[in-house]
């Protein structure tokens, strides 16, 4: 059973890393859109679909 718990912990940590990378990518896209000088920010479609 020890291996199962270790795998679960590893999976949770990996998922946290994936989420943080995705959030960082969305922030970069938003900042890029806002910095182009095209007026006020308006919501955009994410770079990847669900």
Protein backbone atom coordinates (compact mmCIF):
# COMPACT_ATOMS: atom_id res chain seq x y z
CA UNK A 1 0.00 0.00 0.00
CA UNK A 2 2.98 2.31 0.52
CA UNK A 3 3.57 2.58 -3.23
CA UNK A 4 -0.03 3.59 -3.80
CA UNK A 5 0.18 6.53 -1.39
CA UNK A 6 3.50 7.63 -2.82
CA UNK A 7 2.02 7.53 -6.32
CA UNK A 8 -0.97 9.58 -5.20
CA UNK A 9 1.28 12.22 -3.63
CA UNK A 10 3.37 12.33 -6.81
CA UNK A 11 0.22 12.70 -8.93
CA UNK A 12 -1.08 15.55 -6.76
CA UNK A 13 2.25 17.40 -6.96
CA UNK A 14 2.41 16.90 -10.72
CA UNK A 15 -1.15 18.19 -11.14
CA UNK A 16 -0.26 21.30 -9.10
CA UNK A 17 2.68 21.92 -11.42
CA UNK A 18 0.49 21.51 -14.51
CA UNK A 19 -2.10 23.93 -13.10
CA UNK A 20 0.49 26.56 -12.21
CA UNK A 21 2.08 26.36 -15.67
CA UNK A 22 -1.33 26.80 -17.30
CA UNK A 23 -2.18 29.78 -15.11
CA UNK A 24 1.19 31.36 -15.89
CA UNK A 25 0.57 30.88 -19.63
CA UNK A 26 -2.86 32.53 -19.38
CA UNK A 27 -1.38 35.48 -17.49
CA UNK A 28 1.29 35.89 -20.17
CA UNK A 29 -1.38 35.85 -22.91
CA UNK A 30 -3.49 38.39 -21.03
CA UNK A 31 -0.53 40.70 -20.47
CA UNK A 32 0.39 40.43 -24.13
CA UNK A 33 -3.15 41.37 -25.17
CA UNK A 34 -3.23 44.30 -22.77
CA UNK A 35 0.16 45.62 -23.86
CA UNK A 36 -0.67 45.81 -27.58
CA UNK A 37 -2.44 49.15 -27.16
CA UNK A 38 -5.74 47.95 -28.58
CA UNK A 39 -7.78 49.68 -25.91
CA UNK A 40 -9.32 48.20 -22.78
CA UNK A 41 -8.92 44.54 -22.02
CA UNK A 42 -11.66 42.27 -23.29
CA UNK A 43 -11.90 38.59 -22.54
CA UNK A 44 -10.29 36.29 -25.11
CA UNK A 45 -10.46 32.66 -26.00
CA UNK A 46 -7.79 30.58 -24.23
CA UNK A 47 -5.00 29.18 -26.36
CA UNK A 48 -6.25 25.63 -25.80
CA UNK A 49 -9.77 24.34 -25.74
CA UNK A 50 -11.23 22.36 -22.88
